[in-house]
Amino acid sequence: MRQYYIYDGQMKKGPFDLEQLKVQSLNQETPVWYEGLQDWLMAGNVDELKEFFTPKATPPPVPKTFQKNVAVRNEILNSFGEATELYPEPKKRRLLIPVLISLIIIAGIIFTLFFYHK
């Protein structure tokens, strides 16, 4: 079985068999050497390594039955933009506390002016 060495740009690694080589960070420009070669080759130029770099088969188109469900799902998800709050806070309550505080302050000022003015 052939043993491969690779150079990762900093150091030489190996030996690896084909299965071990699959888990290495290997690209087409990675320098590779094995016994019988005079010099290092790029991995993309080694016949038995070319399969590592060929694109995998693309899946077939999604069947229409699945596409229907996706459309319904997207319609449901997009409908939330039009939804109202389940428990909306009444606008009157937002102003209730500031109005009450203002009334207390005004009553305090009037009370103070009325009793201390005399």
PDB file of N, CA and C in Angstrom:
ATOM      1  N   MET A   1       0.844  -1.175   0.000  1.00  0.00           N
ATOM      2  CA  MET A   1       0.000   0.000   0.000  1.00  0.00           C
ATOM      3  C   MET A   1       0.892   1.243   0.000  1.00  0.00           C
ATOM      4  N   ARG A   2       0.546   2.197  -0.836  1.00  0.00           N
ATOM      5  CA  ARG A   2       1.343   3.409  -0.982  1.00  0.00           C
ATOM      6  C   ARG A   2       1.177   4.302   0.248  1.00  0.00           C
ATOM      7  N   GLN A   3       2.290   4.889   0.697  1.00  0.00           N
ATOM      8  CA  GLN A   3       2.297   5.819   1.827  1.00  0.00           C
ATOM      9  C   GLN A   3       2.592   7.223   1.301  1.00  0.00           C
ATOM     10  N   TYR A   4       1.765   8.188   1.720  1.00  0.00           N
ATOM     11  CA  TYR A   4       1.868   9.566   1.229  1.00  0.00           C
ATOM     12  C   TYR A   4       2.401  10.475   2.328  1.00  0.00           C
ATOM     13  N   TYR A   5       3.155  11.466   1.903  1.00  0.00           N
ATOM     14  CA  TYR A   5       3.607  12.539   2.786  1.00  0.00           C
ATOM     15  C   TYR A   5       3.030  13.835   2.226  1.00  0.00           C
ATOM     16  N   ILE A   6       2.648  14.730   3.114  1.00  0.00           N
ATOM     17  CA  ILE A   6       2.151  16.026   2.673  1.00  0.00           C
ATOM     18  C   ILE A   6       2.954  17.122   3.356  1.00  0.00           C
ATOM     19  N   TYR A   7       2.939  18.286   2.743  1.00  0.00           N
ATOM     20  CA  TYR A   7       3.602  19.450   3.331  1.00  0.00           C
ATOM     21  C   TYR A   7       2.527  20.512   3.520  1.00  0.00           C
ATOM     22  N   ASP A   8       2.303  20.935   4.766  1.00  0.00           N
ATOM     23  CA  ASP A   8       1.212  21.867   5.064  1.00  0.00           C
ATOM     24  C   ASP A   8       1.630  23.335   5.020  1.00  0.00           C
ATOM     25  N   GLY A   9       2.805  23.617   4.508  1.00  0.00           N
ATOM     26  CA  GLY A   9       3.287  24.985   4.441  1.00  0.00           C
ATOM     27  C   GLY A   9       4.268  25.313   5.556  1.00  0.00           C
ATOM     28  N   GLN A  10       4.287  24.459   6.588  1.00  0.00           N
ATOM     29  CA  GLN A  10       5.202  24.672   7.701  1.00  0.00           C
ATOM     30  C   GLN A  10       6.047  23.435   7.990  1.00  0.00           C
ATOM     31  N   MET A  11       5.421  22.263   7.839  1.00  0.00           N
ATOM     32  CA  MET A  11       6.171  21.046   8.128  1.00  0.00           C
ATOM     33  C   MET A  11       5.665  19.878   7.292  1.00  0.00           C
ATOM     34  N   LYS A  12       6.527  18.879   7.164  1.00  0.00           N
ATOM     35  CA  LYS A  12       6.199  17.664   6.440  1.00  0.00           C
ATOM     36  C   LYS A  12       5.440  16.749   7.397  1.00  0.00           C
ATOM     37  N   LYS A  13       4.349  16.127   6.906  1.00  0.00           N
ATOM     38  CA  LYS A  13       3.544  15.217   7.719  1.00  0.00           C
ATOM     39  C   LYS A  13       3.417  13.894   6.987  1.00  0.00           C
ATOM     40  N   GLY A  14       3.324  12.838   7.745  1.00  0.00           N
ATOM     41  CA  GLY A  14       3.119  11.522   7.139  1.00  0.00           C
ATOM     42  C   GLY A  14       3.975  10.486   7.806  1.00  0.00           C
ATOM     43  N   PRO A  15       3.924   9.303   7.371  1.00  0.00           N
ATOM     44  CA  PRO A  15       3.206   8.794   6.197  1.00  0.00           C
ATOM     45  C   PRO A  15       1.723   8.536   6.488  1.00  0.00           C
ATOM     46  N   PHE A  16       0.901   8.668   5.424  1.00  0.00           N
ATOM     47  CA  PHE A  16      -0.534   8.415   5.495  1.00  0.00           C
ATOM     48  C   PHE A  16      -0.921   7.458   4.381  1.00  0.00           C
ATOM     49  N   ASP A  17      -1.887   6.576   4.665  1.00  0.00           N
ATOM     50  CA  ASP A  17      -2.480   5.807   3.570  1.00  0.00           C
ATOM     51  C   ASP A  17      -3.646   6.637   3.034  1.00  0.00           C
ATOM     52  N   LEU A  18      -4.341   6.149   2.020  1.00  0.00           N
ATOM     53  CA  LEU A  18      -5.413   6.931   1.392  1.00  0.00           C
ATOM     54  C   LEU A  18      -6.514   7.300   2.379  1.00  0.00           C
ATOM     55  N   GLU A  19      -6.915   6.361   3.240  1.00  0.00           N
ATOM     56  CA  GLU A  19      -7.989   6.640   4.213  1.00  0.00           C
ATOM     57  C   GLU A  19      -7.562   7.708   5.209  1.00  0.00           C
ATOM     58  N   GLN A  20      -6.345   7.645   5.683  1.00  0.00           N
ATOM     59  CA  GLN A  20      -5.847   8.641   6.629  1.00  0.00           C
ATOM     60  C   GLN A  20      -5.705  10.006   5.956  1.00  0.00           C
ATOM     61  N   LEU A  21      -5.389   9.987   4.682  1.00  0.00           N
ATOM     62  CA  LEU A  21      -5.199  11.226   3.932  1.00  0.00           C
ATOM     63  C   LEU A  21      -6.509  11.994   3.774  1.00  0.00           C
ATOM     64  N   LYS A  22      -7.629  11.261   3.750  1.00  0.00           N
ATOM     65  CA  LYS A  22      -8.937  11.894   3.580  1.00  0.00           C
ATOM     66  C   LYS A  22      -9.267  12.839   4.731  1.00  0.00           C
ATOM     67  N   VAL A  23      -8.774  12.572   5.925  1.00  0.00           N
ATOM     68  CA  VAL A  23      -9.101  13.405   7.087  1.00  0.00           C
ATOM     69  C   VAL A  23      -8.098  14.543   7.280  1.00  0.00           C
ATOM     70  N   GLN A  24      -7.081  14.600   6.455  1.00  0.00           N
ATOM     71  CA  GLN A  24      -6.115  15.698   6.531  1.00  0.00           C
ATOM     72  C   GLN A  24      -6.682  16.905   5.791  1.00  0.00           C
ATOM     73  N   SER A  25      -6.230  18.089   6.172  1.00  0.00           N
ATOM     74  CA  SER A  25      -6.669  19.285   5.450  1.00  0.00           C
ATOM     75  C   SER A  25      -5.875  19.353   4.151  1.00  0.00           C
ATOM     76  N   LEU A  26      -6.490  18.844   3.126  1.00  0.00           N
ATOM     77  CA  LEU A  26      -5.825  18.673   1.843  1.00  0.00           C
ATOM     78  C   LEU A  26      -6.589  19.462   0.785  1.00  0.00           C
ATOM     79  N   ASN A  27      -5.887  20.194  -0.057  1.00  0.00           N
ATOM     80  CA  ASN A  27      -6.525  20.834  -1.207  1.00  0.00           C
ATOM     81  C   ASN A  27      -5.692  20.537  -2.442  1.00  0.00           C
ATOM     82  N   GLN A  28      -6.121  21.023  -3.581  1.00  0.00           N
ATOM     83  CA  GLN A  28      -5.451  20.676  -4.835  1.00  0.00           C
ATOM     84  C   GLN A  28      -4.011  21.168  -4.893  1.00  0.00           C
ATOM     85  N   GLU A  29      -3.693  22.218  -4.137  1.00  0.00           N
ATOM     86  CA  GLU A  29      -2.343  22.778  -4.173  1.00  0.00           C
ATOM     87  C   GLU A  29      -1.437  22.227  -3.071  1.00  0.00           C
ATOM     88  N   THR A  30      -1.931  21.317  -2.251  1.00  0.00           N
ATOM     89  CA  THR A  30      -1.103  20.754  -1.184  1.00  0.00           C
ATOM     90  C   THR A  30       0.012  19.908  -1.795  1.00  0.00           C
ATOM     91  N   PRO A  31       1.276  20.176  -1.433  1.00  0.00           N
ATOM     92  CA  PRO A  31       2.372  19.333  -1.930  1.00  0.00           C
ATOM     93  C   PRO A  31       2.287  17.915  -1.357  1.00  0.00           C
ATOM     94  N   VAL A  32       2.438  16.922  -2.234  1.00  0.00           N
ATOM     95  CA  VAL A  32       2.347  15.503  -1.853  1.00  0.00           C
ATOM     96  C   VAL A  32       3.557  14.778  -2.435  1.00  0.00           C
ATOM     97  N   TRP A  33       4.045  13.815  -1.653  1.00  0.00           N
ATOM     98  CA  TRP A  33       5.139  12.976  -2.141  1.00  0.00           C
ATOM     99  C   TRP A  33       4.884  11.546  -1.683  1.00  0.00           C
ATOM    100  N   TYR A  34       5.251  10.598  -2.523  1.00  0.00           N
ATOM    101  CA  TYR A  34       5.232   9.185  -2.146  1.00  0.00           C
ATOM    102  C   TYR A  34       6.428   8.513  -2.817  1.00  0.00           C
ATOM    103  N   GLU A  35       6.793   7.350  -2.312  1.00  0.00           N
ATOM    104  CA  GLU A  35       7.974   6.647  -2.825  1.00  0.00           C
ATOM    105  C   GLU A  35       7.799   6.354  -4.313  1.00  0.00           C
ATOM    106  N   GLY A  36       8.797   6.701  -5.076  1.00  0.00           N
ATOM    107  CA  GLY A  36       8.758   6.525  -6.521  1.00  0.00           C
ATOM    108  C   GLY A  36       8.733   7.866  -7.245  1.00  0.00           C
ATOM    109  N   LEU A  37       8.339   8.919  -6.542  1.00  0.00           N
ATOM    110  CA  LEU A  37       8.366  10.259  -7.146  1.00  0.00           C
ATOM    111  C   LEU A  37       9.743  10.872  -6.944  1.00  0.00           C
ATOM    112  N   GLN A  38      10.198  11.588  -7.930  1.00  0.00           N
ATOM    113  CA  GLN A  38      11.481  12.281  -7.783  1.00  0.00           C
ATOM    114  C   GLN A  38      11.319  13.573  -7.000  1.00  0.00           C
ATOM    115  N   ASP A  39      10.144  14.226  -7.156  1.00  0.00           N
ATOM    116  CA  ASP A  39       9.925  15.508  -6.495  1.00  0.00           C
ATOM    117  C   ASP A  39       8.474  15.574  -6.011  1.00  0.00           C
ATOM    118  N   TRP A  40       8.177  16.554  -5.215  1.00  0.00           N
ATOM    119  CA  TRP A  40       6.823  16.754  -4.690  1.00  0.00           C
ATOM    120  C   TRP A  40       5.899  17.170  -5.825  1.00  0.00           C
ATOM    121  N   LEU A  41       4.650  16.709  -5.771  1.00  0.00           N
ATOM    122  CA  LEU A  41       3.614  17.101  -6.734  1.00  0.00           C
ATOM    123  C   LEU A  41       2.463  17.759  -5.979  1.00  0.00           C
ATOM    124  N   MET A  42       1.682  18.566  -6.687  1.00  0.00           N
ATOM    125  CA  MET A  42       0.465  19.091  -6.082  1.00  0.00           C
ATOM    126  C   MET A  42      -0.565  17.969  -6.042  1.00  0.00           C
ATOM    127  N   ALA A  43      -1.328  17.919  -4.968  1.00  0.00           N
ATOM    128  CA  ALA A  43      -2.292  16.830  -4.778  1.00  0.00           C
ATOM    129  C   ALA A  43      -3.272  16.733  -5.942  1.00  0.00           C
ATOM    130  N   GLY A  44      -3.636  17.849  -6.543  1.00  0.00           N
ATOM    131  CA  GLY A  44      -4.557  17.829  -7.675  1.00  0.00           C
ATOM    132  C   GLY A  44      -3.983  17.160  -8.909  1.00  0.00           C
ATOM    133  N   ASN A  45      -2.649  16.958  -8.955  1.00  0.00           N
ATOM    134  CA  ASN A  45      -2.006  16.307 -10.099  1.00  0.00           C
ATOM    135  C   ASN A  45      -1.726  14.833  -9.867  1.00  0.00           C
ATOM    136  N   VAL A  46      -2.081  14.304  -8.706  1.00  0.00           N
ATOM    137  CA  VAL A  46      -1.878  12.881  -8.397  1.00  0.00           C
ATOM    138  C   VAL A  46      -3.184  12.159  -8.709  1.00  0.00           C
ATOM    139  N   ASP A  47      -3.133  11.195  -9.642  1.00  0.00           N
ATOM    140  CA  ASP A  47      -4.346  10.536 -10.130  1.00  0.00           C
ATOM    141  C   ASP A  47      -5.217   9.970  -9.018  1.00  0.00           C
ATOM    142  N   GLU A  48      -4.616   9.237  -8.083  1.00  0.00           N
ATOM    143  CA  GLU A  48      -5.434   8.593  -7.043  1.00  0.00           C
ATOM    144  C   GLU A  48      -6.002   9.583  -6.019  1.00  0.00           C
ATOM    145  N   LEU A  49      -5.560  10.836  -6.043  1.00  0.00           N
ATOM    146  CA  LEU A  49      -6.087  11.853  -5.124  1.00  0.00           C
ATOM    147  C   LEU A  49      -7.103  12.772  -5.794  1.00  0.00           C
ATOM    148  N   LYS A  50      -7.251  12.683  -7.091  1.00  0.00           N
ATOM    149  CA  LYS A  50      -8.161  13.577  -7.815  1.00  0.00           C
ATOM    150  C   LYS A  50      -9.596  13.435  -7.332  1.00  0.00           C
ATOM    151  N   GLU A  51      -9.974  12.228  -6.911  1.00  0.00           N
ATOM    152  CA  GLU A  51     -11.347  12.014  -6.429  1.00  0.00           C
ATOM    153  C   GLU A  51     -11.650  12.843  -5.177  1.00  0.00           C
ATOM    154  N   PHE A  52     -10.628  13.233  -4.435  1.00  0.00           N
ATOM    155  CA  PHE A  52     -10.823  14.067  -3.245  1.00  0.00           C
ATOM    156  C   PHE A  52     -11.355  15.449  -3.622  1.00  0.00           C
ATOM    157  N   PHE A  53     -11.072  15.880  -4.843  1.00  0.00           N
ATOM    158  CA  PHE A  53     -11.362  17.251  -5.227  1.00  0.00           C
ATOM    159  C   PHE A  53     -12.471  17.376  -6.265  1.00  0.00           C
ATOM    160  N   THR A  54     -13.029  16.266  -6.718  1.00  0.00           N
ATOM    161  CA  THR A  54     -14.124  16.350  -7.683  1.00  0.00           C
ATOM    162  C   THR A  54     -15.405  16.680  -6.922  1.00  0.00           C
ATOM    163  N   PRO A  55     -16.236  17.553  -7.490  1.00  0.00           N
ATOM    164  CA  PRO A  55     -17.481  17.902  -6.807  1.00  0.00           C
ATOM    165  C   PRO A  55     -18.375  16.682  -6.665  1.00  0.00           C
ATOM    166  N   LYS A  56     -19.029  16.606  -5.546  1.00  0.00           N
ATOM    167  CA  LYS A  56     -19.954  15.492  -5.294  1.00  0.00           C
ATOM    168  C   LYS A  56     -21.222  15.713  -6.113  1.00  0.00           C
ATOM    169  N   ALA A  57     -21.974  14.660  -6.297  1.00  0.00           N
ATOM    170  CA  ALA A  57     -23.213  14.746  -7.067  1.00  0.00           C
ATOM    171  C   ALA A  57     -24.188  15.692  -6.375  1.00  0.00           C
ATOM    172  N   THR A  58     -24.909  16.460  -7.173  1.00  0.00           N
ATOM    173  CA  THR A  58     -25.907  17.358  -6.606  1.00  0.00           C
ATOM    174  C   THR A  58     -27.227  16.608  -6.464  1.00  0.00           C
ATOM    175  N   PRO A  59     -27.999  16.904  -5.435  1.00  0.00           N
ATOM    176  CA  PRO A  59     -29.264  16.191  -5.238  1.00  0.00           C
ATOM    177  C   PRO A  59     -30.283  16.594  -6.301  1.00  0.00           C
ATOM    178  N   PRO A  60     -31.278  15.733  -6.545  1.00  0.00           N
ATOM    179  CA  PRO A  60     -32.309  16.075  -7.526  1.00  0.00           C
ATOM    180  C   PRO A  60     -33.189  17.203  -6.988  1.00  0.00           C
ATOM    181  N   PRO A  61     -34.002  17.810  -7.852  1.00  0.00           N
ATOM    182  CA  PRO A  61     -34.907  18.859  -7.386  1.00  0.00           C
ATOM    183  C   PRO A  61     -35.868  18.317  -6.324  1.00  0.00           C
ATOM    184  N   VAL A  62     -36.309  19.195  -5.455  1.00  0.00           N
ATOM    185  CA  VAL A  62     -37.245  18.808  -4.393  1.00  0.00           C
ATOM    186  C   VAL A  62     -38.600  18.528  -5.032  1.00  0.00           C
ATOM    187  N   PRO A  63     -39.249  17.404  -4.646  1.00  0.00           N
ATOM    188  CA  PRO A  63     -40.560  17.084  -5.220  1.00  0.00           C
ATOM    189  C   PRO A  63     -41.585  18.179  -4.908  1.00  0.00           C
ATOM    190  N   LYS A  64     -42.562  18.327  -5.800  1.00  0.00           N
ATOM    191  CA  LYS A  64     -43.589  19.360  -5.640  1.00  0.00           C
ATOM    192  C   LYS A  64     -44.378  19.181  -4.345  1.00  0.00           C
ATOM    193  N   THR A  65     -44.546  17.945  -3.881  1.00  0.00           N
ATOM    194  CA  THR A  65     -45.317  17.730  -2.645  1.00  0.00           C
ATOM    195  C   THR A  65     -44.645  18.417  -1.462  1.00  0.00           C
ATOM    196  N   PHE A  66     -43.324  18.438  -1.426  1.00  0.00           N
ATOM    197  CA  PHE A  66     -42.615  19.113  -0.352  1.00  0.00           C
ATOM    198  C   PHE A  66     -42.663  20.621  -0.556  1.00  0.00           C
ATOM    199  N   GLN A  67     -42.632  21.053  -1.796  1.00  0.00           N
ATOM    200  CA  GLN A  67     -42.642  22.479  -2.075  1.00  0.00           C
ATOM    201  C   GLN A  67     -43.952  23.117  -1.641  1.00  0.00           C
ATOM    202  N   LYS A  68     -45.072  22.388  -1.734  1.00  0.00           N
ATOM    203  CA  LYS A  68     -46.356  22.904  -1.259  1.00  0.00           C
ATOM    204  C   LYS A  68     -46.270  23.234   0.223  1.00  0.00           C
ATOM    205  N   ASN A  69     -45.728  22.302   0.994  1.00  0.00           N
ATOM    206  CA  ASN A  69     -45.635  22.509   2.436  1.00  0.00           C
ATOM    207  C   ASN A  69     -44.760  23.702   2.766  1.00  0.00           C
ATOM    208  N   VAL A  70     -43.705  23.925   2.002  1.00  0.00           N
ATOM    209  CA  VAL A  70     -42.820  25.052   2.244  1.00  0.00           C
ATOM    210  C   VAL A  70     -43.574  26.352   2.001  1.00  0.00           C
ATOM    211  N   ALA A  71     -44.385  26.395   0.952  1.00  0.00           N
ATOM    212  CA  ALA A  71     -45.138  27.611   0.654  1.00  0.00           C
ATOM    213  C   ALA A  71     -46.126  27.911   1.774  1.00  0.00           C
ATOM    214  N   VAL A  72     -46.833  26.894   2.256  1.00  0.00           N
ATOM    215  CA  VAL A  72     -47.788  27.085   3.352  1.00  0.00           C
ATOM    216  C   VAL A  72     -47.055  27.538   4.604  1.00  0.00           C
ATOM    217  N   ARG A  73     -45.938  26.924   4.888  1.00  0.00           N
ATOM    218  CA  ARG A  73     -45.150  27.287   6.070  1.00  0.00           C
ATOM    219  C   ARG A  73     -44.690  28.743   5.975  1.00  0.00           C
ATOM    220  N   ASN A  74     -44.177  29.143   4.801  1.00  0.00           N
ATOM    221  CA  ASN A  74     -43.726  30.518   4.617  1.00  0.00           C
ATOM    222  C   ASN A  74     -44.892  31.497   4.733  1.00  0.00           C
ATOM    223  N   GLU A  75     -46.050  31.102   4.229  1.00  0.00           N
ATOM    224  CA  GLU A  75     -47.224  31.965   4.338  1.00  0.00           C
ATOM    225  C   GLU A  75     -47.598  32.175   5.806  1.00  0.00           C
ATOM    226  N   ILE A  76     -47.539  31.114   6.583  1.00  0.00           N
ATOM    227  CA  ILE A  76     -47.840  31.213   8.020  1.00  0.00           C
ATOM    228  C   ILE A  76     -46.820  32.096   8.713  1.00  0.00           C
ATOM    229  N   LEU A  77     -45.536  31.869   8.437  1.00  0.00           N
ATOM    230  CA  LEU A  77     -44.499  32.666   9.085  1.00  0.00           C
ATOM    231  C   LEU A  77     -44.594  34.137   8.698  1.00  0.00           C
ATOM    232  N   ASN A  78     -44.912  34.417   7.453  1.00  0.00           N
ATOM    233  CA  ASN A  78     -45.008  35.806   7.001  1.00  0.00           C
ATOM    234  C   ASN A  78     -46.248  36.500   7.544  1.00  0.00           C
ATOM    235  N   SER A  79     -47.269  35.747   7.963  1.00  0.00           N
ATOM    236  CA  SER A  79     -48.489  36.360   8.468  1.00  0.00           C
ATOM    237  C   SER A  79     -48.289  36.986   9.844  1.00  0.00           C
ATOM    238  N   PHE A  80     -47.214  36.665  10.540  1.00  0.00           N
ATOM    239  CA  PHE A  80     -47.000  37.225  11.871  1.00  0.00           C
ATOM    240  C   PHE A  80     -46.716  38.716  11.834  1.00  0.00           C
ATOM    241  N   GLY A  81     -46.300  39.241  10.702  1.00  0.00           N
ATOM    242  CA  GLY A  81     -46.062  40.669  10.595  1.00  0.00           C
ATOM    243  C   GLY A  81     -47.357  41.461  10.740  1.00  0.00           C
ATOM    244  N   GLU A  82     -48.489  40.840  10.392  1.00  0.00           N
ATOM    245  CA  GLU A  82     -49.781  41.503  10.474  1.00  0.00           C
ATOM    246  C   GLU A  82     -50.480  41.243  11.808  1.00  0.00           C
ATOM    247  N   ALA A  83     -49.921  40.391  12.633  1.00  0.00           N
ATOM    248  CA  ALA A  83     -50.575  40.015  13.884  1.00  0.00           C
ATOM    249  C   ALA A  83     -50.549  41.156  14.891  1.00  0.00           C
ATOM    250  N   THR A  84     -51.591  41.183  15.725  1.00  0.00           N
ATOM    251  CA  THR A  84     -51.631  42.166  16.808  1.00  0.00           C
ATOM    252  C   THR A  84     -51.187  41.481  18.090  1.00  0.00           C
ATOM    253  N   GLU A  85     -50.881  42.291  19.092  1.00  0.00           N
ATOM    254  CA  GLU A  85     -50.442  41.728  20.364  1.00  0.00           C
ATOM    255  C   GLU A  85     -51.592  40.975  21.008  1.00  0.00           C
ATOM    256  N   LEU A  86     -51.266  39.914  21.725  1.00  0.00           N
ATOM    257  CA  LEU A  86     -52.289  39.125  22.395  1.00  0.00           C
ATOM    258  C   LEU A  86     -52.913  39.914  23.538  1.00  0.00           C
ATOM    259  N   TYR A  87     -52.086  40.599  24.301  1.00  0.00           N
ATOM    260  CA  TYR A  87     -52.553  41.426  25.411  1.00  0.00           C
ATOM    261  C   TYR A  87     -52.012  42.841  25.231  1.00  0.00           C
ATOM    262  N   PRO A  88     -52.597  43.601  24.323  1.00  0.00           N
ATOM    263  CA  PRO A  88     -52.058  44.948  24.112  1.00  0.00           C
ATOM    264  C   PRO A  88     -52.275  45.822  25.343  1.00  0.00           C
ATOM    265  N   GLU A  89     -51.310  46.644  25.623  1.00  0.00           N
ATOM    266  CA  GLU A  89     -51.411  47.550  26.766  1.00  0.00           C
ATOM    267  C   GLU A  89     -52.239  48.758  26.345  1.00  0.00           C
ATOM    268  N   PRO A  90     -53.303  49.059  27.101  1.00  0.00           N
ATOM    269  CA  PRO A  90     -54.113  50.226  26.730  1.00  0.00           C
ATOM    270  C   PRO A  90     -53.281  51.500  26.811  1.00  0.00           C
ATOM    271  N   LYS A  91     -53.523  52.401  25.885  1.00  0.00           N
ATOM    272  CA  LYS A  91     -52.752  53.636  25.855  1.00  0.00           C
ATOM    273  C   LYS A  91     -53.052  54.501  27.068  1.00  0.00           C
ATOM    274  N   LYS A  92     -54.258  54.428  27.614  1.00  0.00           N
ATOM    275  CA  LYS A  92     -54.614  55.219  28.777  1.00  0.00           C
ATOM    276  C   LYS A  92     -53.731  54.876  29.969  1.00  0.00           C
ATOM    277  N   ARG A  93     -53.397  53.610  30.127  1.00  0.00           N
ATOM    278  CA  ARG A  93     -52.592  53.180  31.271  1.00  0.00           C
ATOM    279  C   ARG A  93     -51.161  53.696  31.177  1.00  0.00           C
ATOM    280  N   ARG A  94     -50.679  53.890  29.990  1.00  0.00           N
ATOM    281  CA  ARG A  94     -49.322  54.401  29.827  1.00  0.00           C
ATOM    282  C   ARG A  94     -49.199  55.803  30.404  1.00  0.00           C
ATOM    283  N   LEU A  95     -50.272  56.564  30.306  1.00  0.00           N
ATOM    284  CA  LEU A  95     -50.257  57.940  30.791  1.00  0.00           C
ATOM    285  C   LEU A  95     -50.727  58.052  32.241  1.00  0.00           C
ATOM    286  N   LEU A  96     -51.309  57.015  32.775  1.00  0.00           N
ATOM    287  CA  LEU A  96     -51.905  57.071  34.110  1.00  0.00           C
ATOM    288  C   LEU A  96     -50.900  57.461  35.186  1.00  0.00           C
ATOM    289  N   ILE A  97     -49.758  56.826  35.228  1.00  0.00           N
ATOM    290  CA  ILE A  97     -48.769  57.099  36.283  1.00  0.00           C
ATOM    291  C   ILE A  97     -48.196  58.513  36.152  1.00  0.00           C
ATOM    292  N   PRO A  98     -47.760  58.962  34.980  1.00  0.00           N
ATOM    293  CA  PRO A  98     -47.263  60.343  34.900  1.00  0.00           C
ATOM    294  C   PRO A  98     -48.329  61.388  35.267  1.00  0.00           C
ATOM    295  N   VAL A  99     -49.586  61.147  34.892  1.00  0.00           N
ATOM    296  CA  VAL A  99     -50.666  62.084  35.228  1.00  0.00           C
ATOM    297  C   VAL A  99     -50.882  62.105  36.739  1.00  0.00           C
ATOM    298  N   LEU A 100     -50.897  60.936  37.378  1.00  0.00           N
ATOM    299  CA  LEU A 100     -51.073  60.874  38.832  1.00  0.00           C
ATOM    300  C   LEU A 100     -49.937  61.582  39.558  1.00  0.00           C
ATOM    301  N   ILE A 101     -48.722  61.370  39.109  1.00  0.00           N
ATOM    302  CA  ILE A 101     -47.576  62.030  39.752  1.00  0.00           C
ATOM    303  C   ILE A 101     -47.682  63.546  39.583  1.00  0.00           C
ATOM    304  N   SER A 102     -48.063  63.989  38.390  1.00  0.00           N
ATOM    305  CA  SER A 102     -48.225  65.423  38.149  1.00  0.00           C
ATOM    306  C   SER A 102     -49.303  66.010  39.056  1.00  0.00           C
ATOM    307  N   LEU A 103     -50.434  65.321  39.210  1.00  0.00           N
ATOM    308  CA  LEU A 103     -51.516  65.801  40.075  1.00  0.00           C
ATOM    309  C   LEU A 103     -51.071  65.889  41.528  1.00  0.00           C
ATOM    310  N   ILE A 104     -50.310  64.912  41.988  1.00  0.00           N
ATOM    311  CA  ILE A 104     -49.820  64.927  43.372  1.00  0.00           C
ATOM    312  C   ILE A 104     -48.882  66.114  43.582  1.00  0.00           C
ATOM    313  N   ILE A 105     -48.012  66.366  42.613  1.00  0.00           N
ATOM    314  CA  ILE A 105     -47.076  67.487  42.733  1.00  0.00           C
ATOM    315  C   ILE A 105     -47.836  68.823  42.740  1.00  0.00           C
ATOM    316  N   ILE A 106     -48.796  68.963  41.830  1.00  0.00           N
ATOM    317  CA  ILE A 106     -49.590  70.202  41.768  1.00  0.00           C
ATOM    318  C   ILE A 106     -50.388  70.391  43.048  1.00  0.00           C
ATOM    319  N   ALA A 107     -51.002  69.309  43.560  1.00  0.00           N
ATOM    320  CA  ALA A 107     -51.768  69.401  44.815  1.00  0.00           C
ATOM    321  C   ALA A 107     -50.844  69.780  45.965  1.00  0.00           C
ATOM    322  N   GLY A 108     -49.635  69.245  45.969  1.00  0.00           N
ATOM    323  CA  GLY A 108     -48.682  69.587  47.018  1.00  0.00           C
ATOM    324  C   GLY A 108     -48.294  71.055  46.952  1.00  0.00           C
ATOM    325  N   ILE A 109     -48.100  71.562  45.755  1.00  0.00           N
ATOM    326  CA  ILE A 109     -47.747  72.978  45.600  1.00  0.00           C
ATOM    327  C   ILE A 109     -48.902  73.869  46.062  1.00  0.00           C
ATOM    328  N   ILE A 110     -50.120  73.533  45.637  1.00  0.00           N
ATOM    329  CA  ILE A 110     -51.294  74.317  46.042  1.00  0.00           C
ATOM    330  C   ILE A 110     -51.471  74.264  47.561  1.00  0.00           C
ATOM    331  N   PHE A 111     -51.334  73.076  48.147  1.00  0.00           N
ATOM    332  CA  PHE A 111     -51.467  72.912  49.593  1.00  0.00           C
ATOM    333  C   PHE A 111     -50.417  73.752  50.318  1.00  0.00           C
ATOM    334  N   THR A 112     -49.186  73.698  49.841  1.00  0.00           N
ATOM    335  CA  THR A 112     -48.104  74.455  50.472  1.00  0.00           C
ATOM    336  C   THR A 112     -48.361  75.957  50.363  1.00  0.00           C
ATOM    337  N   LEU A 113     -48.764  76.442  49.207  1.00  0.00           N
ATOM    338  CA  LEU A 113     -49.039  77.861  49.006  1.00  0.00           C
ATOM    339  C   LEU A 113     -50.222  78.328  49.862  1.00  0.00           C
ATOM    340  N   PHE A 114     -51.259  77.503  49.974  1.00  0.00           N
ATOM    341  CA  PHE A 114     -52.451  77.873  50.722  1.00  0.00           C
ATOM    342  C   PHE A 114     -52.165  77.997  52.213  1.00  0.00           C
ATOM    343  N   PHE A 115     -51.425  77.041  52.809  1.00  0.00           N
ATOM    344  CA  PHE A 115     -51.215  77.059  54.252  1.00  0.00           C
ATOM    345  C   PHE A 115     -50.041  77.926  54.665  1.00  0.00           C
ATOM    346  N   TYR A 116     -49.021  78.046  53.848  1.00  0.00           N
ATOM    347  CA  TYR A 116     -47.837  78.824  54.256  1.00  0.00           C
ATOM    348  C   TYR A 116     -47.886  80.266  53.749  1.00  0.00           C
ATOM    349  N   HIS A 117     -48.831  80.601  52.935  1.00  0.00           N
ATOM    350  CA  HIS A 117     -48.926  81.951  52.400  1.00  0.00           C
ATOM    351  C   HIS A 117     -49.531  82.902  53.422  1.00  0.00           C
ATOM    352  N   LYS A 118     -50.342  82.428  54.296  1.00  0.00           N
ATOM    353  CA  LYS A 118     -51.026  83.275  55.264  1.00  0.00           C
ATOM    354  C   LYS A 118     -50.159  83.628  56.388  1.00  0.00           C
TER     355      LYS A 118
END
